[in-house]
Amino acid sequence: MVEDATIIAKALTRIAAWLDLSNQDLRAIIGVVDGNTVIASLASNEAASTNALLLIQLHVLLTGIVGGDAGAAGSWLKSYNVALEARPLELMQQRTGLKRVADYLESRGSVSL
């Protein structure tokens, strides 16, 4: 539904701003096909919708871990993580990487990074 896609797209815009993600990063994470808007992709592509909801979940998990510190969250995403063997932001842009990062954060619970 376009209405749901619009609401999710607004949430993603806020999350991207909070995490200091570029539009290109956000599109890569969600899996937006070139030429499509985020809303069009969310409305027509189940994988993009799934990734968008997973990114929202990741945001909630990361916010809880860093205590709402956007700078710490952005820094963590862009820094090499030994446990993930990659920078989380780069991993999130791969097909299964977003789920892997979300699972890692979920396993960390409220433990500080």
Protein backbone atom coordinates (compact mmCIF):
# COMPACT_ATOMS: atom_id res chain seq x y z
CA MET A 1 0.00 0.00 0.00
CA VAL A 2 1.27 3.44 -0.88
CA GLU A 3 0.04 4.92 2.43
CA ASP A 4 2.06 2.39 4.44
CA ALA A 5 5.05 2.94 2.17
CA THR A 6 4.84 6.69 2.77
CA ILE A 7 4.84 6.24 6.55
CA ILE A 8 7.77 3.82 6.42
CA ALA A 9 9.67 6.14 4.05
CA LYS A 10 9.25 9.01 6.53
CA ALA A 11 10.59 6.82 9.33
CA LEU A 12 13.54 5.81 7.15
CA THR A 13 14.31 9.46 6.38
CA ARG A 14 14.47 10.24 10.10
CA ILE A 15 16.60 7.17 10.80
CA ALA A 16 18.99 8.03 7.97
CA ALA A 17 19.38 11.55 9.33
CA TRP A 18 19.94 10.26 12.88
CA LEU A 19 22.56 7.76 11.71
CA ASP A 20 24.10 10.23 9.23
CA LEU A 21 23.44 7.88 6.31
CA SER A 22 23.58 9.26 2.80
CA ASN A 23 20.65 8.78 0.47
CA GLN A 24 22.85 6.37 -1.50
CA ASP A 25 23.56 4.35 1.67
CA LEU A 26 19.86 4.19 2.52
CA ARG A 27 18.89 3.11 -0.99
CA ALA A 28 21.59 0.40 -0.98
CA ILE A 29 20.53 -0.91 2.44
CA ILE A 30 16.88 -1.14 1.47
CA GLY A 31 17.59 -2.42 -2.01
CA VAL A 32 15.97 0.34 -4.06
CA VAL A 33 16.32 -0.33 -7.77
CA ASP A 34 17.86 2.56 -9.72
CA GLY A 35 15.23 4.90 -11.03
CA ASN A 36 12.66 4.03 -8.38
CA THR A 37 11.85 6.18 -5.40
CA VAL A 38 12.03 4.72 -1.92
CA ILE A 39 8.22 4.92 -1.66
CA ALA A 40 7.70 3.16 -5.00
CA SER A 41 10.12 0.42 -4.01
CA LEU A 42 8.45 -0.07 -0.64
CA ALA A 43 5.02 -0.22 -2.25
CA SER A 44 5.99 -2.70 -4.96
CA ASN A 45 8.94 -4.72 -3.70
CA GLU A 46 8.54 -7.14 -0.81
CA ALA A 47 12.31 -7.41 -0.27
CA ALA A 48 12.65 -3.62 0.01
CA SER A 49 9.77 -3.54 2.52
CA THR A 50 11.34 -6.33 4.56
CA ASN A 51 14.71 -4.55 4.56
CA ALA A 52 13.07 -1.27 5.57
CA LEU A 53 11.38 -2.88 8.56
CA LEU A 54 14.63 -4.60 9.48
CA LEU A 55 16.45 -1.26 9.36
CA ILE A 56 13.82 0.22 11.67
CA GLN A 57 14.37 -2.70 14.06
CA LEU A 58 18.13 -2.24 13.84
CA HIS A 59 17.69 1.44 14.66
CA VAL A 60 15.65 0.62 17.77
CA LEU A 61 18.25 -1.92 18.93
CA LEU A 62 21.19 0.40 18.28
CA THR A 63 19.45 3.35 19.96
CA GLY A 64 18.93 1.25 23.08
CA ILE A 65 22.53 0.13 23.17
CA VAL A 66 24.10 3.58 22.69
CA GLY A 67 21.60 5.32 24.93
CA GLY A 68 20.27 7.55 22.18
CA ASP A 69 23.69 8.96 21.26
CA ALA A 70 23.46 9.52 17.51
CA GLY A 71 27.17 10.25 17.24
CA ALA A 72 28.08 6.95 18.89
CA ALA A 73 25.61 5.07 16.67
CA GLY A 74 26.98 6.62 13.49
CA SER A 75 30.55 6.00 14.58
CA TRP A 76 29.79 2.37 15.37
CA LEU A 77 28.20 1.85 11.95
CA LYS A 78 31.25 3.25 10.16
CA SER A 79 33.96 1.59 12.26
CA TYR A 80 35.40 -1.87 11.73
CA ASN A 81 33.74 -4.44 14.01
CA VAL A 82 35.89 -7.43 14.91
CA ALA A 83 32.92 -9.71 15.69
CA LEU A 84 31.25 -8.92 12.34
CA GLU A 85 34.60 -8.84 10.50
CA ALA A 86 33.42 -5.76 8.61
CA ARG A 87 32.15 -2.24 8.98
CA PRO A 88 28.46 -2.62 9.86
CA LEU A 89 27.41 0.03 7.32
CA GLU A 90 29.16 -1.81 4.48
CA LEU A 91 27.77 -5.14 5.64
CA MET A 92 24.23 -3.72 5.80
CA GLN A 93 24.41 -2.95 2.08
CA GLN A 94 24.92 -6.63 1.20
CA ARG A 95 22.02 -9.02 0.62
CA THR A 96 22.21 -10.83 3.96
CA GLY A 97 24.31 -8.30 5.82
CA LEU A 98 21.47 -6.20 7.20
CA LYS A 99 19.98 -9.22 8.95
CA ARG A 100 23.41 -10.22 10.23
CA VAL A 101 24.01 -6.78 11.78
CA ALA A 102 20.51 -6.72 13.30
CA ASP A 103 21.02 -10.20 14.75
CA TYR A 104 24.36 -9.11 16.21
CA LEU A 105 22.79 -6.07 17.87
CA GLU A 106 19.95 -8.19 19.20
CA SER A 107 22.47 -10.58 20.74
CA ARG A 108 24.20 -7.62 22.40
CA GLY A 109 20.96 -6.51 24.07
CA SER A 110 21.53 -3.52 26.31
CA VAL A 111 25.29 -4.08 26.52
CA SER A 112 27.26 -1.03 25.41
CA LEU A 113 29.25 -1.38 22.22
